Amino acid sequence: MSGPLALALAPNGHLVTANGDAVNAAPQQPSEIVEFTVDGRFVVQMQVDTVPGVAFGLAFGHGSKGQRQFAAVDDNTNTATGRTLRSDDNNTQ
């Protein structure tokens, strides 16, 4: 983790963090959502914005038809991006 601003347990049991370290930002990973297993194995990452420190929050929930959903907050643009998750429990995207 690099400046975690949020941490959530995904429906598949993995941990997902919003990394937004604006102080010690890595140029190749300025603001991203990172998924990893509970034993620390990296699964996938998703860039939220190119501005350091703006991957601010995240949440899991269910849509109106019961489908699993994921939302990430971009503090630079003051927006939340939602995604419907696949039903495959091995992936969160």
PDB file of N, CA and C in Angstrom:
ATOM      1  N   MET A   1       0.845  -1.169   0.000  1.00  0.00           N
ATOM      2  CA  MET A   1       0.000   0.000   0.000  1.00  0.00           C
ATOM      3  C   MET A   1       0.889   1.230   0.000  1.00  0.00           C
ATOM      4  N   SER A   2       0.379   2.255  -0.637  1.00  0.00           N
ATOM      5  CA  SER A   2       1.137   3.500  -0.759  1.00  0.00           C
ATOM      6  C   SER A   2       0.209   4.664  -0.453  1.00  0.00           C
ATOM      7  N   GLY A   3       0.177   5.091   0.792  1.00  0.00           N
ATOM      8  CA  GLY A   3      -0.714   6.179   1.182  1.00  0.00           C
ATOM      9  C   GLY A   3      -2.171   5.778   1.133  1.00  0.00           C
ATOM     10  N   PRO A   4      -2.556   4.661   1.785  1.00  0.00           N
ATOM     11  CA  PRO A   4      -3.943   4.219   1.707  1.00  0.00           C
ATOM     12  C   PRO A   4      -4.895   5.216   2.361  1.00  0.00           C
ATOM     13  N   LEU A   5      -5.927   5.576   1.614  1.00  0.00           N
ATOM     14  CA  LEU A   5      -6.940   6.500   2.123  1.00  0.00           C
ATOM     15  C   LEU A   5      -8.259   5.796   2.395  1.00  0.00           C
ATOM     16  N   ALA A   6      -8.393   4.578   1.871  1.00  0.00           N
ATOM     17  CA  ALA A   6      -9.595   3.782   2.111  1.00  0.00           C
ATOM     18  C   ALA A   6      -9.219   2.317   1.957  1.00  0.00           C
ATOM     19  N   LEU A   7      -9.939   1.455   2.660  1.00  0.00           N
ATOM     20  CA  LEU A   7      -9.712   0.022   2.569  1.00  0.00           C
ATOM     21  C   LEU A   7     -11.056  -0.660   2.732  1.00  0.00           C
ATOM     22  N   ALA A   8     -11.349  -1.618   1.838  1.00  0.00           N
ATOM     23  CA  ALA A   8     -12.629  -2.324   1.905  1.00  0.00           C
ATOM     24  C   ALA A   8     -12.417  -3.792   1.580  1.00  0.00           C
ATOM     25  N   LEU A   9     -13.296  -4.618   2.115  1.00  0.00           N
ATOM     26  CA  LEU A   9     -13.296  -6.039   1.817  1.00  0.00           C
ATOM     27  C   LEU A   9     -14.231  -6.260   0.635  1.00  0.00           C
ATOM     28  N   ALA A  10     -13.688  -6.782  -0.464  1.00  0.00           N
ATOM     29  CA  ALA A  10     -14.475  -7.024  -1.676  1.00  0.00           C
ATOM     30  C   ALA A  10     -15.362  -8.255  -1.485  1.00  0.00           C
ATOM     31  N   PRO A  11     -16.411  -8.384  -2.291  1.00  0.00           N
ATOM     32  CA  PRO A  11     -17.291  -9.550  -2.184  1.00  0.00           C
ATOM     33  C   PRO A  11     -16.563 -10.887  -2.348  1.00  0.00           C
ATOM     34  N   ASN A  12     -15.430 -10.895  -3.055  1.00  0.00           N
ATOM     35  CA  ASN A  12     -14.680 -12.137  -3.263  1.00  0.00           C
ATOM     36  C   ASN A  12     -13.684 -12.420  -2.138  1.00  0.00           C
ATOM     37  N   GLY A  13     -13.669 -11.587  -1.088  1.00  0.00           N
ATOM     38  CA  GLY A  13     -12.784 -11.795   0.045  1.00  0.00           C
ATOM     39  C   GLY A  13     -11.436 -11.108  -0.074  1.00  0.00           C
ATOM     40  N   HIS A  14     -11.181 -10.445  -1.200  1.00  0.00           N
ATOM     41  CA  HIS A  14      -9.927  -9.710  -1.365  1.00  0.00           C
ATOM     42  C   HIS A  14     -10.036  -8.349  -0.696  1.00  0.00           C
ATOM     43  N   LEU A  15      -8.896  -7.738  -0.416  1.00  0.00           N
ATOM     44  CA  LEU A  15      -8.858  -6.378   0.112  1.00  0.00           C
ATOM     45  C   LEU A  15      -8.617  -5.415  -1.038  1.00  0.00           C
ATOM     46  N   VAL A  16      -9.288  -4.288  -1.002  1.00  0.00           N
ATOM     47  CA  VAL A  16      -9.144  -3.259  -2.031  1.00  0.00           C
ATOM     48  C   VAL A  16      -8.849  -1.949  -1.320  1.00  0.00           C
ATOM     49  N   THR A  17      -7.818  -1.249  -1.784  1.00  0.00           N
ATOM     50  CA  THR A  17      -7.426   0.006  -1.148  1.00  0.00           C
ATOM     51  C   THR A  17      -7.390   1.138  -2.165  1.00  0.00           C
ATOM     52  N   ALA A  18      -7.724   2.332  -1.711  1.00  0.00           N
ATOM     53  CA  ALA A  18      -7.544   3.546  -2.514  1.00  0.00           C
ATOM     54  C   ALA A  18      -6.209   4.132  -2.087  1.00  0.00           C
ATOM     55  N   ASN A  19      -5.218   4.052  -2.961  1.00  0.00           N
ATOM     56  CA  ASN A  19      -3.887   4.587  -2.669  1.00  0.00           C
ATOM     57  C   ASN A  19      -3.786   5.994  -3.233  1.00  0.00           C
ATOM     58  N   GLY A  20      -3.535   6.956  -2.376  1.00  0.00           N
ATOM     59  CA  GLY A  20      -3.452   8.339  -2.817  1.00  0.00           C
ATOM     60  C   GLY A  20      -2.382   9.109  -2.080  1.00  0.00           C
ATOM     61  N   ASP A  21      -1.175   8.579  -2.044  1.00  0.00           N
ATOM     62  CA  ASP A  21      -0.078   9.210  -1.311  1.00  0.00           C
ATOM     63  C   ASP A  21       0.448  10.422  -2.076  1.00  0.00           C
ATOM     64  N   ALA A  22       0.024  11.606  -1.692  1.00  0.00           N
ATOM     65  CA  ALA A  22       0.464  12.831  -2.372  1.00  0.00           C
ATOM     66  C   ALA A  22       1.833  13.294  -1.881  1.00  0.00           C
ATOM     67  N   VAL A  23       2.279  12.833  -0.729  1.00  0.00           N
ATOM     68  CA  VAL A  23       3.556  13.257  -0.166  1.00  0.00           C
ATOM     69  C   VAL A  23       4.715  12.477  -0.773  1.00  0.00           C
ATOM     70  N   ASN A  24       4.582  11.163  -0.838  1.00  0.00           N
ATOM     71  CA  ASN A  24       5.630  10.293  -1.382  1.00  0.00           C
ATOM     72  C   ASN A  24       5.144   9.612  -2.656  1.00  0.00           C
ATOM     73  N   ALA A  25       4.531  10.352  -3.526  1.00  0.00           N
ATOM     74  CA  ALA A  25       3.906   9.778  -4.723  1.00  0.00           C
ATOM     75  C   ALA A  25       4.925   9.168  -5.671  1.00  0.00           C
ATOM     76  N   ALA A  26       4.560   8.010  -6.216  1.00  0.00           N
ATOM     77  CA  ALA A  26       5.365   7.374  -7.265  1.00  0.00           C
ATOM     78  C   ALA A  26       4.808   7.850  -8.603  1.00  0.00           C
ATOM     79  N   PRO A  27       5.629   8.406  -9.492  1.00  0.00           N
ATOM     80  CA  PRO A  27       5.130   8.960 -10.751  1.00  0.00           C
ATOM     81  C   PRO A  27       4.328   7.965 -11.586  1.00  0.00           C
ATOM     82  N   GLN A  28       4.685   6.693 -11.527  1.00  0.00           N
ATOM     83  CA  GLN A  28       3.981   5.697 -12.320  1.00  0.00           C
ATOM     84  C   GLN A  28       2.705   5.195 -11.642  1.00  0.00           C
ATOM     85  N   GLN A  29       2.459   5.569 -10.394  1.00  0.00           N
ATOM     86  CA  GLN A  29       1.273   5.134  -9.656  1.00  0.00           C
ATOM     87  C   GLN A  29       0.745   6.267  -8.781  1.00  0.00           C
ATOM     88  N   PRO A  30       0.272   7.358  -9.362  1.00  0.00           N
ATOM     89  CA  PRO A  30      -0.082   8.525  -8.551  1.00  0.00           C
ATOM     90  C   PRO A  30      -1.347   8.373  -7.708  1.00  0.00           C
ATOM     91  N   SER A  31      -2.387   7.792  -8.264  1.00  0.00           N
ATOM     92  CA  SER A  31      -3.659   7.646  -7.558  1.00  0.00           C
ATOM     93  C   SER A  31      -4.353   6.419  -8.119  1.00  0.00           C
ATOM     94  N   GLU A  32      -4.426   5.381  -7.329  1.00  0.00           N
ATOM     95  CA  GLU A  32      -4.961   4.147  -7.879  1.00  0.00           C
ATOM     96  C   GLU A  32      -5.721   3.331  -6.849  1.00  0.00           C
ATOM     97  N   ILE A  33      -6.538   2.439  -7.369  1.00  0.00           N
ATOM     98  CA  ILE A  33      -7.229   1.441  -6.582  1.00  0.00           C
ATOM     99  C   ILE A  33      -6.453   0.143  -6.775  1.00  0.00           C
ATOM    100  N   VAL A  34      -6.112  -0.534  -5.688  1.00  0.00           N
ATOM    101  CA  VAL A  34      -5.329  -1.766  -5.763  1.00  0.00           C
ATOM    102  C   VAL A  34      -6.075  -2.885  -5.041  1.00  0.00           C
ATOM    103  N   GLU A  35      -6.159  -4.028  -5.705  1.00  0.00           N
ATOM    104  CA  GLU A  35      -6.773  -5.218  -5.114  1.00  0.00           C
ATOM    105  C   GLU A  35      -5.674  -6.226  -4.789  1.00  0.00           C
ATOM    106  N   PHE A  36      -5.767  -6.814  -3.594  1.00  0.00           N
ATOM    107  CA  PHE A  36      -4.820  -7.856  -3.229  1.00  0.00           C
ATOM    108  C   PHE A  36      -5.511  -8.857  -2.314  1.00  0.00           C
ATOM    109  N   THR A  37      -4.951 -10.059  -2.253  1.00  0.00           N
ATOM    110  CA  THR A  37      -5.534 -11.097  -1.412  1.00  0.00           C
ATOM    111  C   THR A  37      -5.231 -10.789   0.051  1.00  0.00           C
ATOM    112  N   VAL A  38      -5.954 -11.435   0.944  1.00  0.00           N
ATOM    113  CA  VAL A  38      -5.736 -11.181   2.366  1.00  0.00           C
ATOM    114  C   VAL A  38      -4.357 -11.637   2.830  1.00  0.00           C
ATOM    115  N   ASP A  39      -3.694 -12.504   2.052  1.00  0.00           N
ATOM    116  CA  ASP A  39      -2.324 -12.881   2.407  1.00  0.00           C
ATOM    117  C   ASP A  39      -1.291 -12.038   1.673  1.00  0.00           C
ATOM    118  N   GLY A  40      -1.743 -10.938   1.035  1.00  0.00           N
ATOM    119  CA  GLY A  40      -0.824  -9.947   0.483  1.00  0.00           C
ATOM    120  C   GLY A  40      -0.433 -10.093  -0.969  1.00  0.00           C
ATOM    121  N   ARG A  41      -1.022 -11.034  -1.707  1.00  0.00           N
ATOM    122  CA  ARG A  41      -0.676 -11.186  -3.129  1.00  0.00           C
ATOM    123  C   ARG A  41      -1.423 -10.158  -3.972  1.00  0.00           C
ATOM    124  N   PHE A  42      -0.678  -9.457  -4.831  1.00  0.00           N
ATOM    125  CA  PHE A  42      -1.241  -8.462  -5.737  1.00  0.00           C
ATOM    126  C   PHE A  42      -2.170  -9.139  -6.736  1.00  0.00           C
ATOM    127  N   VAL A  43      -3.320  -8.504  -7.021  1.00  0.00           N
ATOM    128  CA  VAL A  43      -4.271  -9.027  -8.000  1.00  0.00           C
ATOM    129  C   VAL A  43      -4.362  -8.089  -9.198  1.00  0.00           C
ATOM    130  N   VAL A  44      -4.725  -6.826  -8.962  1.00  0.00           N
ATOM    131  CA  VAL A  44      -4.914  -5.883 -10.066  1.00  0.00           C
ATOM    132  C   VAL A  44      -4.887  -4.458  -9.516  1.00  0.00           C
ATOM    133  N   GLN A  45      -4.592  -3.496 -10.381  1.00  0.00           N
ATOM    134  CA  GLN A  45      -4.674  -2.085 -10.001  1.00  0.00           C
ATOM    135  C   GLN A  45      -5.394  -1.312 -11.091  1.00  0.00           C
ATOM    136  N   MET A  46      -6.001  -0.203 -10.696  1.00  0.00           N
ATOM    137  CA  MET A  46      -6.746   0.650 -11.617  1.00  0.00           C
ATOM    138  C   MET A  46      -6.410   2.096 -11.283  1.00  0.00           C
ATOM    139  N   GLN A  47      -5.946   2.845 -12.263  1.00  0.00           N
ATOM    140  CA  GLN A  47      -5.632   4.255 -12.033  1.00  0.00           C
ATOM    141  C   GLN A  47      -6.918   5.064 -11.994  1.00  0.00           C
ATOM    142  N   VAL A  48      -7.032   5.913 -10.989  1.00  0.00           N
ATOM    143  CA  VAL A  48      -8.201   6.777 -10.832  1.00  0.00           C
ATOM    144  C   VAL A  48      -7.978   8.107 -11.537  1.00  0.00           C
ATOM    145  N   ASP A  49      -6.774   8.670 -11.398  1.00  0.00           N
ATOM    146  CA  ASP A  49      -6.450   9.979 -11.958  1.00  0.00           C
ATOM    147  C   ASP A  49      -4.933  10.074 -12.044  1.00  0.00           C
ATOM    148  N   THR A  50      -4.435  10.972 -12.889  1.00  0.00           N
ATOM    149  CA  THR A  50      -2.986  11.167 -12.998  1.00  0.00           C
ATOM    150  C   THR A  50      -2.449  12.117 -11.932  1.00  0.00           C
ATOM    151  N   VAL A  51      -3.326  12.771 -11.194  1.00  0.00           N
ATOM    152  CA  VAL A  51      -2.923  13.693 -10.128  1.00  0.00           C
ATOM    153  C   VAL A  51      -2.665  12.892  -8.847  1.00  0.00           C
ATOM    154  N   PRO A  52      -1.514  13.061  -8.211  1.00  0.00           N
ATOM    155  CA  PRO A  52      -1.221  12.321  -6.978  1.00  0.00           C
ATOM    156  C   PRO A  52      -2.191  12.662  -5.846  1.00  0.00           C
ATOM    157  N   GLY A  53      -2.566  11.642  -5.104  1.00  0.00           N
ATOM    158  CA  GLY A  53      -3.340  11.851  -3.886  1.00  0.00           C
ATOM    159  C   GLY A  53      -4.830  11.980  -4.041  1.00  0.00           C
ATOM    160  N   VAL A  54      -5.394  11.646  -5.190  1.00  0.00           N
ATOM    161  CA  VAL A  54      -6.825  11.890  -5.368  1.00  0.00           C
ATOM    162  C   VAL A  54      -7.685  10.631  -5.350  1.00  0.00           C
ATOM    163  N   ALA A  55      -7.084   9.441  -5.265  1.00  0.00           N
ATOM    164  CA  ALA A  55      -7.878   8.216  -5.089  1.00  0.00           C
ATOM    165  C   ALA A  55      -8.338   8.224  -3.638  1.00  0.00           C
ATOM    166  N   PHE A  56      -9.505   8.797  -3.390  1.00  0.00           N
ATOM    167  CA  PHE A  56      -9.886   9.188  -2.039  1.00  0.00           C
ATOM    168  C   PHE A  56     -10.730   8.170  -1.291  1.00  0.00           C
ATOM    169  N   GLY A  57     -11.583   7.465  -1.981  1.00  0.00           N
ATOM    170  CA  GLY A  57     -12.475   6.543  -1.289  1.00  0.00           C
ATOM    171  C   GLY A  57     -12.992   5.472  -2.213  1.00  0.00           C
ATOM    172  N   LEU A  58     -13.607   4.455  -1.635  1.00  0.00           N
ATOM    173  CA  LEU A  58     -14.181   3.375  -2.425  1.00  0.00           C
ATOM    174  C   LEU A  58     -15.264   2.691  -1.612  1.00  0.00           C
ATOM    175  N   ALA A  59     -16.140   1.985  -2.312  1.00  0.00           N
ATOM    176  CA  ALA A  59     -17.223   1.271  -1.633  1.00  0.00           C
ATOM    177  C   ALA A  59     -17.733   0.145  -2.514  1.00  0.00           C
ATOM    178  N   PHE A  60     -18.266  -0.879  -1.877  1.00  0.00           N
ATOM    179  CA  PHE A  60     -18.938  -1.971  -2.566  1.00  0.00           C
ATOM    180  C   PHE A  60     -20.396  -1.946  -2.148  1.00  0.00           C
ATOM    181  N   GLY A  61     -21.280  -2.358  -3.044  1.00  0.00           N
ATOM    182  CA  GLY A  61     -22.697  -2.406  -2.731  1.00  0.00           C
ATOM    183  C   GLY A  61     -23.442  -3.201  -3.780  1.00  0.00           C
ATOM    184  N   HIS A  62     -24.765  -3.019  -3.810  1.00  0.00           N
ATOM    185  CA  HIS A  62     -25.607  -3.713  -4.774  1.00  0.00           C
ATOM    186  C   HIS A  62     -26.467  -2.705  -5.518  1.00  0.00           C
ATOM    187  N   GLY A  63     -26.653  -2.946  -6.817  1.00  0.00           N
ATOM    188  CA  GLY A  63     -27.495  -2.094  -7.645  1.00  0.00           C
ATOM    189  C   GLY A  63     -28.965  -2.423  -7.444  1.00  0.00           C
ATOM    190  N   SER A  64     -29.825  -1.727  -8.173  1.00  0.00           N
ATOM    191  CA  SER A  64     -31.267  -1.889  -8.021  1.00  0.00           C
ATOM    192  C   SER A  64     -31.752  -3.283  -8.403  1.00  0.00           C
ATOM    193  N   LYS A  65     -30.982  -3.999  -9.227  1.00  0.00           N
ATOM    194  CA  LYS A  65     -31.355  -5.357  -9.636  1.00  0.00           C
ATOM    195  C   LYS A  65     -30.550  -6.409  -8.874  1.00  0.00           C
ATOM    196  N   GLY A  66     -29.861  -5.993  -7.811  1.00  0.00           N
ATOM    197  CA  GLY A  66     -29.124  -6.913  -6.970  1.00  0.00           C
ATOM    198  C   GLY A  66     -27.707  -7.221  -7.421  1.00  0.00           C
ATOM    199  N   GLN A  67     -27.278  -6.631  -8.535  1.00  0.00           N
ATOM    200  CA  GLN A  67     -25.924  -6.892  -9.028  1.00  0.00           C
ATOM    201  C   GLN A  67     -24.900  -6.206  -8.130  1.00  0.00           C
ATOM    202  N   ARG A  68     -23.733  -6.858  -7.987  1.00  0.00           N
ATOM    203  CA  ARG A  68     -22.660  -6.275  -7.180  1.00  0.00           C
ATOM    204  C   ARG A  68     -22.070  -5.076  -7.902  1.00  0.00           C
ATOM    205  N   GLN A  69     -21.788  -4.018  -7.130  1.00  0.00           N
ATOM    206  CA  GLN A  69     -21.215  -2.812  -7.713  1.00  0.00           C
ATOM    207  C   GLN A  69     -20.053  -2.308  -6.869  1.00  0.00           C
ATOM    208  N   PHE A  70     -19.205  -1.525  -7.535  1.00  0.00           N
ATOM    209  CA  PHE A  70     -18.031  -0.939  -6.917  1.00  0.00           C
ATOM    210  C   PHE A  70     -17.987   0.527  -7.310  1.00  0.00           C
ATOM    211  N   ALA A  71     -17.613   1.401  -6.391  1.00  0.00           N
ATOM    212  CA  ALA A  71     -17.472   2.827  -6.697  1.00  0.00           C
ATOM    213  C   ALA A  71     -16.150   3.335  -6.138  1.00  0.00           C
ATOM    214  N   ALA A  72     -15.494   4.214  -6.918  1.00  0.00           N
ATOM    215  CA  ALA A  72     -14.239   4.845  -6.495  1.00  0.00           C
ATOM    216  C   ALA A  72     -14.395   6.351  -6.606  1.00  0.00           C
ATOM    217  N   VAL A  73     -13.850   7.082  -5.644  1.00  0.00           N
ATOM    218  CA  VAL A  73     -13.959   8.538  -5.609  1.00  0.00           C
ATOM    219  C   VAL A  73     -12.667   9.170  -6.112  1.00  0.00           C
ATOM    220  N   ASP A  74     -12.807  10.145  -7.026  1.00  0.00           N
ATOM    221  CA  ASP A  74     -11.688  10.946  -7.541  1.00  0.00           C
ATOM    222  C   ASP A  74     -11.815  12.324  -6.911  1.00  0.00           C
ATOM    223  N   ASP A  75     -10.939  12.637  -5.967  1.00  0.00           N
ATOM    224  CA  ASP A  75     -11.007  13.898  -5.236  1.00  0.00           C
ATOM    225  C   ASP A  75     -10.569  15.093  -6.079  1.00  0.00           C
ATOM    226  N   ASN A  76      -9.904  14.851  -7.207  1.00  0.00           N
ATOM    227  CA  ASN A  76      -9.491  15.928  -8.107  1.00  0.00           C
ATOM    228  C   ASN A  76     -10.680  16.479  -8.880  1.00  0.00           C
ATOM    229  N   THR A  77     -11.523  15.591  -9.376  1.00  0.00           N
ATOM    230  CA  THR A  77     -12.673  16.009 -10.186  1.00  0.00           C
ATOM    231  C   THR A  77     -13.974  15.999  -9.391  1.00  0.00           C
ATOM    232  N   ASN A  78     -13.902  15.607  -8.114  1.00  0.00           N
ATOM    233  CA  ASN A  78     -15.090  15.501  -7.257  1.00  0.00           C
ATOM    234  C   ASN A  78     -16.156  14.617  -7.881  1.00  0.00           C
ATOM    235  N   THR A  79     -15.709  13.445  -8.365  1.00  0.00           N
ATOM    236  CA  THR A  79     -16.629  12.501  -8.986  1.00  0.00           C
ATOM    237  C   THR A  79     -16.466  11.120  -8.365  1.00  0.00           C
ATOM    238  N   ALA A  80     -17.494  10.331  -8.518  1.00  0.00           N
ATOM    239  CA  ALA A  80     -17.442   8.917  -8.142  1.00  0.00           C
ATOM    240  C   ALA A  80     -17.721   8.112  -9.398  1.00  0.00           C
ATOM    241  N   THR A  81     -16.906   7.108  -9.638  1.00  0.00           N
ATOM    242  CA  THR A  81     -17.080   6.236 -10.792  1.00  0.00           C
ATOM    243  C   THR A  81     -17.580   4.893 -10.301  1.00  0.00           C
ATOM    244  N   GLY A  82     -18.701   4.450 -10.852  1.00  0.00           N
ATOM    245  CA  GLY A  82     -19.273   3.170 -10.463  1.00  0.00           C
ATOM    246  C   GLY A  82     -19.067   2.123 -11.539  1.00  0.00           C
ATOM    247  N   ARG A  83     -18.887   0.897 -11.119  1.00  0.00           N
ATOM    248  CA  ARG A  83     -18.729  -0.234 -12.042  1.00  0.00           C
ATOM    249  C   ARG A  83     -19.557  -1.405 -11.522  1.00  0.00           C
ATOM    250  N   THR A  84     -20.191  -2.105 -12.453  1.00  0.00           N
ATOM    251  CA  THR A  84     -20.874  -3.341 -12.107  1.00  0.00           C
ATOM    252  C   THR A  84     -19.847  -4.460 -12.137  1.00  0.00           C
ATOM    253  N   LEU A  85     -19.815  -5.270 -11.102  1.00  0.00           N
ATOM    254  CA  LEU A  85     -18.826  -6.339 -10.985  1.00  0.00           C
ATOM    255  C   LEU A  85     -19.333  -7.618 -11.627  1.00  0.00           C
ATOM    256  N   ARG A  86     -18.406  -8.393 -12.163  1.00  0.00           N
ATOM    257  CA  ARG A  86     -18.762  -9.704 -12.700  1.00  0.00           C
ATOM    258  C   ARG A  86     -19.181 -10.600 -11.548  1.00  0.00           C
ATOM    259  N   SER A  87     -19.992 -11.577 -11.849  1.00  0.00           N
ATOM    260  CA  SER A  87     -20.429 -12.507 -10.809  1.00  0.00           C
ATOM    261  C   SER A  87     -19.355 -13.526 -10.473  1.00  0.00           C
ATOM    262  N   ASP A  88     -18.288 -13.597 -11.279  1.00  0.00           N
ATOM    263  CA  ASP A  88     -17.160 -14.488 -11.024  1.00  0.00           C
ATOM    264  C   ASP A  88     -16.483 -14.057  -9.735  1.00  0.00           C
ATOM    265  N   ASP A  89     -16.480 -14.892  -8.708  1.00  0.00           N
ATOM    266  CA  ASP A  89     -15.918 -14.526  -7.407  1.00  0.00           C
ATOM    267  C   ASP A  89     -14.403 -14.431  -7.385  1.00  0.00           C
ATOM    268  N   ASN A  90     -13.732 -14.766  -8.475  1.00  0.00           N
ATOM    269  CA  ASN A  90     -12.274 -14.665  -8.519  1.00  0.00           C
ATOM    270  C   ASN A  90     -11.798 -13.294  -8.959  1.00  0.00           C
ATOM    271  N   ASN A  91     -12.689 -12.420  -9.368  1.00  0.00           N
ATOM    272  CA  ASN A  91     -12.309 -11.094  -9.863  1.00  0.00           C
ATOM    273  C   ASN A  91     -13.255 -10.052  -9.313  1.00  0.00           C
ATOM    274  N   THR A  92     -12.745  -8.827  -9.132  1.00  0.00           N
ATOM    275  CA  THR A  92     -13.621  -7.747  -8.679  1.00  0.00           C
ATOM    276  C   THR A  92     -14.011  -6.825  -9.811  1.00  0.00           C
ATOM    277  N   GLN A  93     -13.465  -7.007 -10.994  1.00  0.00           N
ATOM    278  CA  GLN A  93     -13.833  -6.132 -12.107  1.00  0.00           C
ATOM    279  C   GLN A  93     -14.645  -6.886 -13.112  1.00  0.00           C
TER     280      GLN A  93
END
